[in-house]
Amino acid sequence: MIEVTVDSIRVSLINQQRLVVLRERESKRFLAIWIGAFEAEAISTGLQGAESPRPLTHDLLQHAIEQLGGHLRHVLVSELSDDTYHARIVIGRDGAEDVELDSRTSDAIALAAR
């Protein structure tokens, strides 16, 4: 497994599409993943630590995991299939096996950003 951080959210000047750029922690290798505008906003909101008067979707998921006795262990970009990245959200629970949830990559990154 290669540990990465979110380097940036970028916008194409040609077609206004967004991409999230992940950077390998121990080197200067990057992975760019195309995402939608709303997904880019969700990741940016988490990275900035912005507060919302009501919980947004990813905040709700984070609170639900915590209230059920779990914690986000990590997210994993697990596969590339038909030009689409797939991800897994790995939830740790005290004294129990980890739980893995299938996820869109952008949702997993937005959750991890929180």
PDB file of N, CA and C in Angstrom:
ATOM      1  N   MET A   1       0.856  -1.175   0.000  1.00  0.00           N
ATOM      2  CA  MET A   1       0.000   0.000   0.000  1.00  0.00           C
ATOM      3  C   MET A   1       0.898   1.233   0.000  1.00  0.00           C
ATOM      4  N   ILE A   2       0.559   2.221  -0.806  1.00  0.00           N
ATOM      5  CA  ILE A   2       1.320   3.461  -0.913  1.00  0.00           C
ATOM      6  C   ILE A   2       0.498   4.575  -0.278  1.00  0.00           C
ATOM      7  N   GLU A   3       1.066   5.256   0.703  1.00  0.00           N
ATOM      8  CA  GLU A   3       0.358   6.324   1.397  1.00  0.00           C
ATOM      9  C   GLU A   3       0.442   7.613   0.586  1.00  0.00           C
ATOM     10  N   VAL A   4      -0.705   8.263   0.422  1.00  0.00           N
ATOM     11  CA  VAL A   4      -0.780   9.513  -0.334  1.00  0.00           C
ATOM     12  C   VAL A   4      -1.524  10.566   0.477  1.00  0.00           C
ATOM     13  N   THR A   5      -1.352  11.806   0.074  1.00  0.00           N
ATOM     14  CA  THR A   5      -2.115  12.920   0.626  1.00  0.00           C
ATOM     15  C   THR A   5      -2.760  13.670  -0.529  1.00  0.00           C
ATOM     16  N   VAL A   6      -3.771  14.459  -0.216  1.00  0.00           N
ATOM     17  CA  VAL A   6      -4.384  15.293  -1.248  1.00  0.00           C
ATOM     18  C   VAL A   6      -3.451  16.473  -1.479  1.00  0.00           C
ATOM     19  N   ASP A   7      -2.918  16.559  -2.672  1.00  0.00           N
ATOM     20  CA  ASP A   7      -2.031  17.663  -3.027  1.00  0.00           C
ATOM     21  C   ASP A   7      -2.839  18.894  -3.401  1.00  0.00           C
ATOM     22  N   SER A   8      -3.878  18.698  -4.224  1.00  0.00           N
ATOM     23  CA  SER A   8      -4.670  19.842  -4.670  1.00  0.00           C
ATOM     24  C   SER A   8      -5.935  19.374  -5.369  1.00  0.00           C
ATOM     25  N   ILE A   9      -6.833  20.331  -5.525  1.00  0.00           N
ATOM     26  CA  ILE A   9      -8.011  20.179  -6.370  1.00  0.00           C
ATOM     27  C   ILE A   9      -7.788  21.171  -7.511  1.00  0.00           C
ATOM     28  N   ARG A  10      -7.881  20.697  -8.730  1.00  0.00           N
ATOM     29  CA  ARG A  10      -7.598  21.562  -9.875  1.00  0.00           C
ATOM     30  C   ARG A  10      -8.783  21.589 -10.825  1.00  0.00           C
ATOM     31  N   VAL A  11      -8.831  22.654 -11.634  1.00  0.00           N
ATOM     32  CA  VAL A  11      -9.904  22.832 -12.612  1.00  0.00           C
ATOM     33  C   VAL A  11      -9.274  22.946 -13.992  1.00  0.00           C
ATOM     34  N   SER A  12      -9.775  22.168 -14.927  1.00  0.00           N
ATOM     35  CA  SER A  12      -9.305  22.248 -16.310  1.00  0.00           C
ATOM     36  C   SER A  12      -9.763  23.564 -16.922  1.00  0.00           C
ATOM     37  N   LEU A  13      -8.840  24.280 -17.529  1.00  0.00           N
ATOM     38  CA  LEU A  13      -9.197  25.537 -18.193  1.00  0.00           C
ATOM     39  C   LEU A  13      -9.936  25.294 -19.499  1.00  0.00           C
ATOM     40  N   ILE A  14      -9.825  24.085 -20.015  1.00  0.00           N
ATOM     41  CA  ILE A  14     -10.461  23.758 -21.288  1.00  0.00           C
ATOM     42  C   ILE A  14     -11.942  23.444 -21.111  1.00  0.00           C
ATOM     43  N   ASN A  15     -12.268  22.559 -20.160  1.00  0.00           N
ATOM     44  CA  ASN A  15     -13.660  22.113 -20.039  1.00  0.00           C
ATOM     45  C   ASN A  15     -14.252  22.292 -18.643  1.00  0.00           C
ATOM     46  N   GLN A  16     -13.538  22.942 -17.743  1.00  0.00           N
ATOM     47  CA  GLN A  16     -13.999  23.252 -16.381  1.00  0.00           C
ATOM     48  C   GLN A  16     -14.220  22.020 -15.513  1.00  0.00           C
ATOM     49  N   GLN A  17     -13.732  20.853 -15.936  1.00  0.00           N
ATOM     50  CA  GLN A  17     -13.835  19.668 -15.103  1.00  0.00           C
ATOM     51  C   GLN A  17     -12.807  19.742 -13.983  1.00  0.00           C
ATOM     52  N   ARG A  18     -13.128  19.070 -12.866  1.00  0.00           N
ATOM     53  CA  ARG A  18     -12.248  19.074 -11.706  1.00  0.00           C
ATOM     54  C   ARG A  18     -11.482  17.766 -11.610  1.00  0.00           C
ATOM     55  N   LEU A  19     -10.326  17.859 -10.982  1.00  0.00           N
ATOM     56  CA  LEU A  19      -9.600  16.646 -10.643  1.00  0.00           C
ATOM     57  C   LEU A  19      -8.941  16.832  -9.299  1.00  0.00           C
ATOM     58  N   VAL A  20      -8.837  15.722  -8.591  1.00  0.00           N
ATOM     59  CA  VAL A  20      -8.122  15.712  -7.326  1.00  0.00           C
ATOM     60  C   VAL A  20      -6.759  15.113  -7.618  1.00  0.00           C
ATOM     61  N   VAL A  21      -5.722  15.760  -7.099  1.00  0.00           N
ATOM     62  CA  VAL A  21      -4.361  15.294  -7.313  1.00  0.00           C
ATOM     63  C   VAL A  21      -3.855  14.736  -5.984  1.00  0.00           C
ATOM     64  N   LEU A  22      -3.520  13.455  -6.001  1.00  0.00           N
ATOM     65  CA  LEU A  22      -2.968  12.780  -4.829  1.00  0.00           C
ATOM     66  C   LEU A  22      -1.459  12.708  -4.997  1.00  0.00           C
ATOM     67  N   ARG A  23      -0.734  12.945  -3.900  1.00  0.00           N
ATOM     68  CA  ARG A  23       0.732  12.918  -3.945  1.00  0.00           C
ATOM     69  C   ARG A  23       1.243  11.842  -3.013  1.00  0.00           C
ATOM     70  N   GLU A  24       2.145  11.024  -3.523  1.00  0.00           N
ATOM     71  CA  GLU A  24       2.763  10.001  -2.691  1.00  0.00           C
ATOM     72  C   GLU A  24       3.555  10.691  -1.583  1.00  0.00           C
ATOM     73  N   ARG A  25       3.365  10.231  -0.365  1.00  0.00           N
ATOM     74  CA  ARG A  25       3.950  10.895   0.796  1.00  0.00           C
ATOM     75  C   ARG A  25       5.477  10.919   0.769  1.00  0.00           C
ATOM     76  N   GLU A  26       6.093   9.854   0.328  1.00  0.00           N
ATOM     77  CA  GLU A  26       7.546   9.735   0.388  1.00  0.00           C
ATOM     78  C   GLU A  26       8.252  10.029  -0.936  1.00  0.00           C
ATOM     79  N   SER A  27       7.555  10.555  -1.921  1.00  0.00           N
ATOM     80  CA  SER A  27       8.207  10.878  -3.189  1.00  0.00           C
ATOM     81  C   SER A  27       7.426  11.998  -3.874  1.00  0.00           C
ATOM     82  N   LYS A  28       7.793  12.256  -5.093  1.00  0.00           N
ATOM     83  CA  LYS A  28       7.110  13.303  -5.852  1.00  0.00           C
ATOM     84  C   LYS A  28       6.230  12.722  -6.950  1.00  0.00           C
ATOM     85  N   ARG A  29       5.761  11.491  -6.746  1.00  0.00           N
ATOM     86  CA  ARG A  29       4.827  10.894  -7.710  1.00  0.00           C
ATOM     87  C   ARG A  29       3.414  11.364  -7.394  1.00  0.00           C
ATOM     88  N   PHE A  30       2.634  11.544  -8.457  1.00  0.00           N
ATOM     89  CA  PHE A  30       1.271  12.050  -8.325  1.00  0.00           C
ATOM     90  C   PHE A  30       0.294  11.122  -9.034  1.00  0.00           C
ATOM     91  N   LEU A  31      -0.961  11.163  -8.576  1.00  0.00           N
ATOM     92  CA  LEU A  31      -2.052  10.470  -9.241  1.00  0.00           C
ATOM     93  C   LEU A  31      -3.197  11.466  -9.367  1.00  0.00           C
ATOM     94  N   ALA A  32      -3.628  11.724 -10.592  1.00  0.00           N
ATOM     95  CA  ALA A  32      -4.736  12.647 -10.845  1.00  0.00           C
ATOM     96  C   ALA A  32      -5.992  11.839 -11.155  1.00  0.00           C
ATOM     97  N   ILE A  33      -7.090  12.198 -10.497  1.00  0.00           N
ATOM     98  CA  ILE A  33      -8.360  11.500 -10.677  1.00  0.00           C
ATOM     99  C   ILE A  33      -9.428  12.540 -11.001  1.00  0.00           C
ATOM    100  N   TRP A  34     -10.096  12.369 -12.131  1.00  0.00           N
ATOM    101  CA  TRP A  34     -11.176  13.280 -12.515  1.00  0.00           C
ATOM    102  C   TRP A  34     -12.369  13.074 -11.580  1.00  0.00           C
ATOM    103  N   ILE A  35     -12.944  14.167 -11.118  1.00  0.00           N
ATOM    104  CA  ILE A  35     -14.110  14.129 -10.230  1.00  0.00           C
ATOM    105  C   ILE A  35     -15.088  15.219 -10.659  1.00  0.00           C
ATOM    106  N   GLY A  36     -16.297  15.163 -10.124  1.00  0.00           N
ATOM    107  CA  GLY A  36     -17.302  16.169 -10.427  1.00  0.00           C
ATOM    108  C   GLY A  36     -17.136  17.418  -9.571  1.00  0.00           C
ATOM    109  N   ALA A  37     -17.858  18.453  -9.944  1.00  0.00           N
ATOM    110  CA  ALA A  37     -17.787  19.737  -9.227  1.00  0.00           C
ATOM    111  C   ALA A  37     -18.251  19.607  -7.774  1.00  0.00           C
ATOM    112  N   PHE A  38     -19.345  18.876  -7.537  1.00  0.00           N
ATOM    113  CA  PHE A  38     -19.857  18.726  -6.177  1.00  0.00           C
ATOM    114  C   PHE A  38     -18.890  17.904  -5.327  1.00  0.00           C
ATOM    115  N   GLU A  39     -18.278  16.897  -5.934  1.00  0.00           N
ATOM    116  CA  GLU A  39     -17.318  16.072  -5.225  1.00  0.00           C
ATOM    117  C   GLU A  39     -16.082  16.889  -4.870  1.00  0.00           C
ATOM    118  N   ALA A  40     -15.644  17.747  -5.788  1.00  0.00           N
ATOM    119  CA  ALA A  40     -14.501  18.627  -5.520  1.00  0.00           C
ATOM    120  C   ALA A  40     -14.809  19.555  -4.348  1.00  0.00           C
ATOM    121  N   GLU A  41     -16.025  20.074  -4.322  1.00  0.00           N
ATOM    122  CA  GLU A  41     -16.438  20.953  -3.219  1.00  0.00           C
ATOM    123  C   GLU A  41     -16.455  20.205  -1.895  1.00  0.00           C
ATOM    124  N   ALA A  42     -16.925  18.967  -1.882  1.00  0.00           N
ATOM    125  CA  ALA A  42     -16.961  18.171  -0.648  1.00  0.00           C
ATOM    126  C   ALA A  42     -15.554  17.903  -0.119  1.00  0.00           C
ATOM    127  N   ILE A  43     -14.621  17.604  -1.014  1.00  0.00           N
ATOM    128  CA  ILE A  43     -13.243  17.359  -0.588  1.00  0.00           C
ATOM    129  C   ILE A  43     -12.627  18.660  -0.071  1.00  0.00           C
ATOM    130  N   SER A  44     -12.813  19.764  -0.794  1.00  0.00           N
ATOM    131  CA  SER A  44     -12.263  21.051  -0.382  1.00  0.00           C
ATOM    132  C   SER A  44     -12.801  21.489   0.973  1.00  0.00           C
ATOM    133  N   THR A  45     -14.094  21.286   1.185  1.00  0.00           N
ATOM    134  CA  THR A  45     -14.711  21.646   2.462  1.00  0.00           C
ATOM    135  C   THR A  45     -14.058  20.880   3.603  1.00  0.00           C
ATOM    136  N   GLY A  46     -13.821  19.596   3.398  1.00  0.00           N
ATOM    137  CA  GLY A  46     -13.165  18.796   4.427  1.00  0.00           C
ATOM    138  C   GLY A  46     -11.741  19.222   4.670  1.00  0.00           C
ATOM    139  N   LEU A  47     -11.000  19.506   3.623  1.00  0.00           N
ATOM    140  CA  LEU A  47      -9.597  19.916   3.765  1.00  0.00           C
ATOM    141  C   LEU A  47      -9.469  21.254   4.490  1.00  0.00           C
ATOM    142  N   GLN A  48     -10.429  22.140   4.259  1.00  0.00           N
ATOM    143  CA  GLN A  48     -10.404  23.457   4.877  1.00  0.00           C
ATOM    144  C   GLN A  48     -10.952  23.455   6.297  1.00  0.00           C
ATOM    145  N   GLY A  49     -11.567  22.343   6.697  1.00  0.00           N
ATOM    146  CA  GLY A  49     -12.160  22.271   8.022  1.00  0.00           C
ATOM    147  C   GLY A  49     -13.352  23.198   8.187  1.00  0.00           C
ATOM    148  N   ALA A  50     -14.003  23.508   7.077  1.00  0.00           N
ATOM    149  CA  ALA A  50     -15.138  24.435   7.106  1.00  0.00           C
ATOM    150  C   ALA A  50     -16.313  23.818   7.868  1.00  0.00           C
ATOM    151  N   GLU A  51     -16.977  24.642   8.627  1.00  0.00           N
ATOM    152  CA  GLU A  51     -18.145  24.220   9.396  1.00  0.00           C
ATOM    153  C   GLU A  51     -19.414  24.545   8.621  1.00  0.00           C
ATOM    154  N   SER A  52     -20.401  23.685   8.747  1.00  0.00           N
ATOM    155  CA  SER A  52     -21.696  23.893   8.127  1.00  0.00           C
ATOM    156  C   SER A  52     -22.748  23.919   9.231  1.00  0.00           C
ATOM    157  N   PRO A  53     -23.788  24.747   9.092  1.00  0.00           N
ATOM    158  CA  PRO A  53     -24.807  24.788  10.143  1.00  0.00           C
ATOM    159  C   PRO A  53     -25.511  23.447  10.347  1.00  0.00           C
ATOM    160  N   ARG A  54     -25.598  22.660   9.288  1.00  0.00           N
ATOM    161  CA  ARG A  54     -26.186  21.321   9.356  1.00  0.00           C
ATOM    162  C   ARG A  54     -25.174  20.356   8.754  1.00  0.00           C
ATOM    163  N   PRO A  55     -25.162  19.104   9.206  1.00  0.00           N
ATOM    164  CA  PRO A  55     -24.169  18.162   8.679  1.00  0.00           C
ATOM    165  C   PRO A  55     -24.353  17.898   7.184  1.00  0.00           C
ATOM    166  N   LEU A  56     -23.255  17.977   6.459  1.00  0.00           N
ATOM    167  CA  LEU A  56     -23.257  17.579   5.055  1.00  0.00           C
ATOM    168  C   LEU A  56     -23.136  16.059   4.998  1.00  0.00           C
ATOM    169  N   THR A  57     -23.304  15.485   3.831  1.00  0.00           N
ATOM    170  CA  THR A  57     -23.344  14.030   3.684  1.00  0.00           C
ATOM    171  C   THR A  57     -22.133  13.343   4.298  1.00  0.00           C
ATOM    172  N   HIS A  58     -20.943  13.840   4.020  1.00  0.00           N
ATOM    173  CA  HIS A  58     -19.737  13.188   4.523  1.00  0.00           C
ATOM    174  C   HIS A  58     -19.567  13.403   6.029  1.00  0.00           C
ATOM    175  N   ASP A  59     -20.030  14.542   6.531  1.00  0.00           N
ATOM    176  CA  ASP A  59     -20.034  14.771   7.979  1.00  0.00           C
ATOM    177  C   ASP A  59     -20.975  13.783   8.658  1.00  0.00           C
ATOM    178  N   LEU A  60     -22.143  13.569   8.047  1.00  0.00           N
ATOM    179  CA  LEU A  60     -23.115  12.625   8.579  1.00  0.00           C
ATOM    180  C   LEU A  60     -22.526  11.223   8.643  1.00  0.00           C
ATOM    181  N   LEU A  61     -21.865  10.798   7.582  1.00  0.00           N
ATOM    182  CA  LEU A  61     -21.248   9.476   7.567  1.00  0.00           C
ATOM    183  C   LEU A  61     -20.167   9.366   8.640  1.00  0.00           C
ATOM    184  N   GLN A  62     -19.352  10.400   8.786  1.00  0.00           N
ATOM    185  CA  GLN A  62     -18.318  10.396   9.820  1.00  0.00           C
ATOM    186  C   GLN A  62     -18.947  10.274  11.214  1.00  0.00           C
ATOM    187  N   HIS A  63     -19.987  11.046  11.486  1.00  0.00           N
ATOM    188  CA  HIS A  63     -20.649  10.992  12.797  1.00  0.00           C
ATOM    189  C   HIS A  63     -21.289   9.626  13.026  1.00  0.00           C
ATOM    190  N   ALA A  64     -21.903   9.050  11.992  1.00  0.00           N
ATOM    191  CA  ALA A  64     -22.534   7.735  12.131  1.00  0.00           C
ATOM    192  C   ALA A  64     -21.489   6.672  12.470  1.00  0.00           C
ATOM    193  N   ILE A  65     -20.354   6.706  11.794  1.00  0.00           N
ATOM    194  CA  ILE A  65     -19.279   5.751  12.087  1.00  0.00           C
ATOM    195  C   ILE A  65     -18.842   5.879  13.534  1.00  0.00           C
ATOM    196  N   GLU A  66     -18.639   7.108  13.992  1.00  0.00           N
ATOM    197  CA  GLU A  66     -18.195   7.347  15.373  1.00  0.00           C
ATOM    198  C   GLU A  66     -19.250   6.913  16.386  1.00  0.00           C
ATOM    199  N   GLN A  67     -20.524   7.236  16.135  1.00  0.00           N
ATOM    200  CA  GLN A  67     -21.593   6.886  17.069  1.00  0.00           C
ATOM    201  C   GLN A  67     -21.804   5.376  17.163  1.00  0.00           C
ATOM    202  N   LEU A  68     -21.438   4.660  16.105  1.00  0.00           N
ATOM    203  CA  LEU A  68     -21.555   3.203  16.113  1.00  0.00           C
ATOM    204  C   LEU A  68     -20.293   2.526  16.638  1.00  0.00           C
ATOM    205  N   GLY A  69     -19.380   3.314  17.195  1.00  0.00           N
ATOM    206  CA  GLY A  69     -18.193   2.765  17.843  1.00  0.00           C
ATOM    207  C   GLY A  69     -17.022   2.499  16.920  1.00  0.00           C
ATOM    208  N   GLY A  70     -17.024   3.091  15.751  1.00  0.00           N
ATOM    209  CA  GLY A  70     -15.933   2.878  14.813  1.00  0.00           C
ATOM    210  C   GLY A  70     -15.115   4.129  14.611  1.00  0.00           C
ATOM    211  N   HIS A  71     -14.053   3.981  13.857  1.00  0.00           N
ATOM    212  CA  HIS A  71     -13.226   5.113  13.459  1.00  0.00           C
ATOM    213  C   HIS A  71     -12.664   4.816  12.069  1.00  0.00           C
ATOM    214  N   LEU A  72     -12.472   5.854  11.313  1.00  0.00           N
ATOM    215  CA  LEU A  72     -11.923   5.687   9.981  1.00  0.00           C
ATOM    216  C   LEU A  72     -10.453   5.309  10.111  1.00  0.00           C
ATOM    217  N   ARG A  73     -10.126   4.125   9.674  1.00  0.00           N
ATOM    218  CA  ARG A  73      -8.732   3.672   9.726  1.00  0.00           C
ATOM    219  C   ARG A  73      -7.975   4.251   8.530  1.00  0.00           C
ATOM    220  N   HIS A  74      -8.516   4.055   7.344  1.00  0.00           N
ATOM    221  CA  HIS A  74      -7.949   4.629   6.131  1.00  0.00           C
ATOM    222  C   HIS A  74      -8.905   4.388   4.967  1.00  0.00           C
ATOM    223  N   VAL A  75      -8.631   5.060   3.876  1.00  0.00           N
ATOM    224  CA  VAL A  75      -9.330   4.761   2.633  1.00  0.00           C
ATOM    225  C   VAL A  75      -8.294   4.238   1.649  1.00  0.00           C
ATOM    226  N   LEU A  76      -8.749   3.436   0.735  1.00  0.00           N
ATOM    227  CA  LEU A  76      -7.862   2.746  -0.186  1.00  0.00           C
ATOM    228  C   LEU A  76      -8.403   2.892  -1.597  1.00  0.00           C
ATOM    229  N   VAL A  77      -7.614   3.481  -2.477  1.00  0.00           N
ATOM    230  CA  VAL A  77      -7.952   3.463  -3.896  1.00  0.00           C
ATOM    231  C   VAL A  77      -7.517   2.085  -4.356  1.00  0.00           C
ATOM    232  N   SER A  78      -8.482   1.223  -4.580  1.00  0.00           N
ATOM    233  CA  SER A  78      -8.208  -0.207  -4.675  1.00  0.00           C
ATOM    234  C   SER A  78      -8.111  -0.764  -6.078  1.00  0.00           C
ATOM    235  N   GLU A  79      -8.673  -0.062  -7.050  1.00  0.00           N
ATOM    236  CA  GLU A  79      -8.778  -0.690  -8.367  1.00  0.00           C
ATOM    237  C   GLU A  79      -9.037   0.362  -9.441  1.00  0.00           C
ATOM    238  N   LEU A  80      -8.572   0.075 -10.629  1.00  0.00           N
ATOM    239  CA  LEU A  80      -8.911   0.847 -11.820  1.00  0.00           C
ATOM    240  C   LEU A  80      -9.566  -0.112 -12.791  1.00  0.00           C
ATOM    241  N   SER A  81     -10.829   0.148 -13.109  1.00  0.00           N
ATOM    242  CA  SER A  81     -11.583  -0.741 -13.983  1.00  0.00           C
ATOM    243  C   SER A  81     -12.370   0.100 -14.983  1.00  0.00           C
ATOM    244  N   ASP A  82     -12.162  -0.148 -16.263  1.00  0.00           N
ATOM    245  CA  ASP A  82     -12.853   0.606 -17.314  1.00  0.00           C
ATOM    246  C   ASP A  82     -12.702   2.115 -17.125  1.00  0.00           C
ATOM    247  N   ASP A  83     -11.484   2.549 -16.852  1.00  0.00           N
ATOM    248  CA  ASP A  83     -11.141   3.966 -16.667  1.00  0.00           C
ATOM    249  C   ASP A  83     -11.809   4.604 -15.446  1.00  0.00           C
ATOM    250  N   THR A  84     -12.259   3.799 -14.503  1.00  0.00           N
ATOM    251  CA  THR A  84     -12.882   4.307 -13.284  1.00  0.00           C
ATOM    252  C   THR A  84     -12.136   3.763 -12.074  1.00  0.00           C
ATOM    253  N   TYR A  85     -11.734   4.671 -11.181  1.00  0.00           N
ATOM    254  CA  TYR A  85     -11.096   4.245  -9.941  1.00  0.00           C
ATOM    255  C   TYR A  85     -12.167   3.821  -8.940  1.00  0.00           C
ATOM    256  N   HIS A  86     -11.873   2.786  -8.179  1.00  0.00           N
ATOM    257  CA  HIS A  86     -12.757   2.298  -7.124  1.00  0.00           C
ATOM    258  C   HIS A  86     -12.016   2.431  -5.803  1.00  0.00           C
ATOM    259  N   ALA A  87     -12.766   2.613  -4.733  1.00  0.00           N
ATOM    260  CA  ALA A  87     -12.139   2.804  -3.423  1.00  0.00           C
ATOM    261  C   ALA A  87     -12.827   1.948  -2.368  1.00  0.00           C
ATOM    262  N   ARG A  88     -12.147   1.781  -1.255  1.00  0.00           N
ATOM    263  CA  ARG A  88     -12.659   1.072  -0.084  1.00  0.00           C
ATOM    264  C   ARG A  88     -12.466   1.989   1.120  1.00  0.00           C
ATOM    265  N   ILE A  89     -13.482   2.093   1.955  1.00  0.00           N
ATOM    266  CA  ILE A  89     -13.395   2.798   3.233  1.00  0.00           C
ATOM    267  C   ILE A  89     -13.189   1.728   4.287  1.00  0.00           C
ATOM    268  N   VAL A  90     -12.110   1.832   5.048  1.00  0.00           N
ATOM    269  CA  VAL A  90     -11.792   0.831   6.063  1.00  0.00           C
ATOM    270  C   VAL A  90     -12.081   1.438   7.436  1.00  0.00           C
ATOM    271  N   ILE A  91     -13.017   0.795   8.142  1.00  0.00           N
ATOM    272  CA  ILE A  91     -13.466   1.279   9.449  1.00  0.00           C
ATOM    273  C   ILE A  91     -12.965   0.319  10.517  1.00  0.00           C
ATOM    274  N   GLY A  92     -12.255   0.874  11.503  1.00  0.00           N
ATOM    275  CA  GLY A  92     -11.775   0.082  12.626  1.00  0.00           C
ATOM    276  C   GLY A  92     -12.779   0.116  13.765  1.00  0.00           C
ATOM    277  N   ARG A  93     -12.845  -1.010  14.489  1.00  0.00           N
ATOM    278  CA  ARG A  93     -13.720  -1.107  15.664  1.00  0.00           C
ATOM    279  C   ARG A  93     -12.923  -1.781  16.773  1.00  0.00           C
ATOM    280  N   ASP A  94     -12.996  -1.240  17.965  1.00  0.00           N
ATOM    281  CA  ASP A  94     -12.250  -1.808  19.083  1.00  0.00           C
ATOM    282  C   ASP A  94     -12.627  -3.266  19.308  1.00  0.00           C
ATOM    283  N   GLY A  95     -11.615  -4.124  19.315  1.00  0.00           N
ATOM    284  CA  GLY A  95     -11.836  -5.529  19.608  1.00  0.00           C
ATOM    285  C   GLY A  95     -12.552  -6.314  18.531  1.00  0.00           C
ATOM    286  N   ALA A  96     -12.703  -5.757  17.359  1.00  0.00           N
ATOM    287  CA  ALA A  96     -13.413  -6.458  16.287  1.00  0.00           C
ATOM    288  C   ALA A  96     -12.638  -6.291  14.982  1.00  0.00           C
ATOM    289  N   GLU A  97     -12.992  -7.098  14.011  1.00  0.00           N
ATOM    290  CA  GLU A  97     -12.354  -6.986  12.702  1.00  0.00           C
ATOM    291  C   GLU A  97     -12.752  -5.683  12.021  1.00  0.00           C
ATOM    292  N   ASP A  98     -11.860  -5.194  11.174  1.00  0.00           N
ATOM    293  CA  ASP A  98     -12.173  -4.005  10.384  1.00  0.00           C
ATOM    294  C   ASP A  98     -13.331  -4.304   9.438  1.00  0.00           C
ATOM    295  N   VAL A  99     -14.075  -3.267   9.119  1.00  0.00           N
ATOM    296  CA  VAL A  99     -15.162  -3.350   8.156  1.00  0.00           C
ATOM    297  C   VAL A  99     -14.733  -2.545   6.933  1.00  0.00           C
ATOM    298  N   GLU A 100     -14.908  -3.133   5.749  1.00  0.00           N
ATOM    299  CA  GLU A 100     -14.582  -2.443   4.509  1.00  0.00           C
ATOM    300  C   GLU A 100     -15.856  -2.155   3.730  1.00  0.00           C
ATOM    301  N   LEU A 101     -15.982  -0.909   3.285  1.00  0.00           N
ATOM    302  CA  LEU A 101     -17.139  -0.497   2.504  1.00  0.00           C
ATOM    303  C   LEU A 101     -16.700  -0.082   1.110  1.00  0.00           C
ATOM    304  N   ASP A 102     -17.409  -0.546   0.090  1.00  0.00           N
ATOM    305  CA  ASP A 102     -17.154  -0.113  -1.271  1.00  0.00           C
ATOM    306  C   ASP A 102     -17.565   1.347  -1.389  1.00  0.00           C
ATOM    307  N   SER A 103     -16.815   2.137  -2.144  1.00  0.00           N
ATOM    308  CA  SER A 103     -17.086   3.561  -2.213  1.00  0.00           C
ATOM    309  C   SER A 103     -16.613   4.146  -3.529  1.00  0.00           C
ATOM    310  N   ARG A 104     -17.241   5.239  -3.924  1.00  0.00           N
ATOM    311  CA  ARG A 104     -16.659   6.041  -4.995  1.00  0.00           C
ATOM    312  C   ARG A 104     -15.387   6.665  -4.425  1.00  0.00           C
ATOM    313  N   THR A 105     -14.390   6.816  -5.255  1.00  0.00           N
ATOM    314  CA  THR A 105     -13.118   7.358  -4.788  1.00  0.00           C
ATOM    315  C   THR A 105     -13.288   8.758  -4.210  1.00  0.00           C
ATOM    316  N   SER A 106     -14.061   9.593  -4.860  1.00  0.00           N
ATOM    317  CA  SER A 106     -14.245  10.964  -4.379  1.00  0.00           C
ATOM    318  C   SER A 106     -14.926  10.995  -3.015  1.00  0.00           C
ATOM    319  N   ASP A 107     -15.890  10.111  -2.775  1.00  0.00           N
ATOM    320  CA  ASP A 107     -16.548  10.048  -1.465  1.00  0.00           C
ATOM    321  C   ASP A 107     -15.572   9.589  -0.380  1.00  0.00           C
ATOM    322  N   ALA A 108     -14.746   8.601  -0.701  1.00  0.00           N
ATOM    323  CA  ALA A 108     -13.770   8.111   0.264  1.00  0.00           C
ATOM    324  C   ALA A 108     -12.774   9.209   0.627  1.00  0.00           C
ATOM    325  N   ILE A 109     -12.321   9.961  -0.376  1.00  0.00           N
ATOM    326  CA  ILE A 109     -11.367  11.051  -0.120  1.00  0.00           C
ATOM    327  C   ILE A 109     -12.039  12.149   0.690  1.00  0.00           C
ATOM    328  N   ALA A 110     -13.280  12.498   0.373  1.00  0.00           N
ATOM    329  CA  ALA A 110     -13.999  13.537   1.127  1.00  0.00           C
ATOM    330  C   ALA A 110     -14.164  13.127   2.589  1.00  0.00           C
ATOM    331  N   LEU A 111     -14.449  11.851   2.839  1.00  0.00           N
ATOM    332  CA  LEU A 111     -14.569  11.372   4.215  1.00  0.00           C
ATOM    333  C   LEU A 111     -13.223  11.438   4.919  1.00  0.00           C
ATOM    334  N   ALA A 112     -12.174  11.002   4.254  1.00  0.00           N
ATOM    335  CA  ALA A 112     -10.832  11.032   4.852  1.00  0.00           C
ATOM    336  C   ALA A 112     -10.377  12.467   5.136  1.00  0.00           C
ATOM    337  N   ALA A 113     -10.814  13.411   4.315  1.00  0.00           N
ATOM    338  CA  ALA A 113     -10.425  14.806   4.510  1.00  0.00           C
ATOM    339  C   ALA A 113     -11.002  15.383   5.799  1.00  0.00           C
ATOM    340  N   ARG A 114     -12.027  14.721   6.338  1.00  0.00           N
ATOM    341  CA  ARG A 114     -12.634  15.189   7.577  1.00  0.00           C
ATOM    342  C   ARG A 114     -11.928  14.602   8.772  1.00  0.00           C
TER     343      ARG A 114
END
